[in-house]
């Protein structure tokens, strides 16, 4: 292993370092995009839950009106 590392040129090591850095940047960007998409999806689910609560309140009001007639 030491022989392999000692035979690597500076150009090769910089290329490997650059590729590794690029890979880290790509993974960070994908994580950021996944976070944005997840946040958007959760806000849509929350909006749907608010609409369902409104529908349930309406149905409860109708049921109470029918019960007390």
C-alpha atoms as a PDB file:
ATOM      1  CA  UNK A   1       0.000   0.000   0.000  1.00  0.00           C
ATOM      2  CA  UNK A   2       2.810   2.431   0.801  1.00  0.00           C
ATOM      3  CA  UNK A   3       4.433   1.685  -2.524  1.00  0.00           C
ATOM      4  CA  UNK A   4       1.203   2.552  -4.352  1.00  0.00           C
ATOM      5  CA  UNK A   5       0.822   5.815  -2.426  1.00  0.00           C
ATOM      6  CA  UNK A   6       4.436   6.803  -2.985  1.00  0.00           C
ATOM      7  CA  UNK A   7       4.118   6.278  -6.747  1.00  0.00           C
ATOM      8  CA  UNK A   8       1.076   8.568  -7.147  1.00  0.00           C
ATOM      9  CA  UNK A   9       1.944  11.824  -8.856  1.00  0.00           C
ATOM     10  CA  UNK A  10       0.750  15.226  -7.701  1.00  0.00           C
ATOM     11  CA  UNK A  11      -1.467  15.543 -10.764  1.00  0.00           C
ATOM     12  CA  UNK A  12      -3.159  12.219  -9.991  1.00  0.00           C
ATOM     13  CA  UNK A  13      -3.662  13.072  -6.329  1.00  0.00           C
ATOM     14  CA  UNK A  14      -5.163  16.466  -7.220  1.00  0.00           C
ATOM     15  CA  UNK A  15      -7.457  14.795  -9.738  1.00  0.00           C
ATOM     16  CA  UNK A  16      -8.624  12.309  -7.101  1.00  0.00           C
ATOM     17  CA  UNK A  17      -9.116  15.113  -4.592  1.00  0.00           C
ATOM     18  CA  UNK A  18     -11.114  17.127  -7.142  1.00  0.00           C
ATOM     19  CA  UNK A  19     -13.322  14.168  -8.013  1.00  0.00           C
ATOM     20  CA  UNK A  20     -13.946  13.442  -4.346  1.00  0.00           C
ATOM     21  CA  UNK A  21     -14.804  17.097  -3.699  1.00  0.00           C
ATOM     22  CA  UNK A  22     -17.181  17.122  -6.653  1.00  0.00           C
ATOM     23  CA  UNK A  23     -18.878  13.982  -5.343  1.00  0.00           C
ATOM     24  CA  UNK A  24     -19.369  15.599  -1.921  1.00  0.00           C
ATOM     25  CA  UNK A  25     -20.838  18.731  -3.520  1.00  0.00           C
ATOM     26  CA  UNK A  26     -23.247  16.670  -5.640  1.00  0.00           C
ATOM     27  CA  UNK A  27     -24.406  14.683  -2.608  1.00  0.00           C
ATOM     28  CA  UNK A  28     -24.907  17.891  -0.614  1.00  0.00           C
ATOM     29  CA  UNK A  29     -26.953  19.396  -3.457  1.00  0.00           C
ATOM     30  CA  UNK A  30     -29.116  16.268  -3.697  1.00  0.00           C
ATOM     31  CA  UNK A  31     -29.718  16.402   0.051  1.00  0.00           C
ATOM     32  CA  UNK A  32     -30.738  20.045  -0.197  1.00  0.00           C
ATOM     33  CA  UNK A  33     -33.169  19.314  -3.036  1.00  0.00           C
ATOM     34  CA  UNK A  34     -34.636  16.353  -1.133  1.00  0.00           C
ATOM     35  CA  UNK A  35     -35.181  18.619   1.875  1.00  0.00           C
ATOM     36  CA  UNK A  36     -36.967  21.200  -0.281  1.00  0.00           C
ATOM     37  CA  UNK A  37     -39.213  18.565  -1.887  1.00  0.00           C
ATOM     38  CA  UNK A  38     -40.016  17.018   1.488  1.00  0.00           C
ATOM     39  CA  UNK A  39     -40.911  20.382   2.959  1.00  0.00           C
ATOM     40  CA  UNK A  40     -43.177  21.114   0.010  1.00  0.00           C
ATOM     41  CA  UNK A  41     -44.888  17.747   0.332  1.00  0.00           C
ATOM     42  CA  UNK A  42     -45.451  18.197   4.053  1.00  0.00           C
ATOM     43  CA  UNK A  43     -47.023  21.607   3.519  1.00  0.00           C
ATOM     44  CA  UNK A  44     -49.402  20.074   0.949  1.00  0.00           C
ATOM     45  CA  UNK A  45     -50.336  17.321   3.407  1.00  0.00           C
ATOM     46  CA  UNK A  46     -50.950  19.939   6.097  1.00  0.00           C
ATOM     47  CA  UNK A  47     -53.178  21.902   3.726  1.00  0.00           C
ATOM     48  CA  UNK A  48     -55.135  18.720   2.954  1.00  0.00           C
ATOM     49  CA  UNK A  49     -55.522  18.026   6.673  1.00  0.00           C
ATOM     50  CA  UNK A  50     -56.925  21.535   7.192  1.00  0.00           C
ATOM     51  CA  UNK A  51     -59.454  20.918   4.417  1.00  0.00           C
ATOM     52  CA  UNK A  52     -60.444  17.579   5.959  1.00  0.00           C
ATOM     53  CA  UNK A  53     -60.967  19.245   9.348  1.00  0.00           C
ATOM     54  CA  UNK A  54     -63.267  21.772   7.682  1.00  0.00           C
ATOM     55  CA  UNK A  55     -65.254  19.005   6.011  1.00  0.00           C
ATOM     56  CA  UNK A  56     -65.506  17.099   9.284  1.00  0.00           C
ATOM     57  CA  UNK A  57     -66.764  20.222  11.102  1.00  0.00           C
ATOM     58  CA  UNK A  58     -69.387  20.676   8.385  1.00  0.00           C
ATOM     59  CA  UNK A  59     -70.519  17.079   8.655  1.00  0.00           C
ATOM     60  CA  UNK A  60     -70.677  17.380  12.442  1.00  0.00           C
ATOM     61  CA  UNK A  61     -72.789  20.523  12.127  1.00  0.00           C
ATOM     62  CA  UNK A  62     -75.158  18.738   9.745  1.00  0.00           C
ATOM     63  CA  UNK A  63     -75.389  15.746  12.083  1.00  0.00           C
ATOM     64  CA  UNK A  64     -76.133  18.023  15.052  1.00  0.00           C
ATOM     65  CA  UNK A  65     -78.779  19.890  13.058  1.00  0.00           C
ATOM     66  CA  UNK A  66     -80.480  16.621  12.067  1.00  0.00           C
ATOM     67  CA  UNK A  67     -80.288  15.307  15.629  1.00  0.00           C
ATOM     68  CA  UNK A  68     -81.991  18.319  17.185  1.00  0.00           C
ATOM     69  CA  UNK A  69     -84.793  18.708  14.622  1.00  0.00           C
END
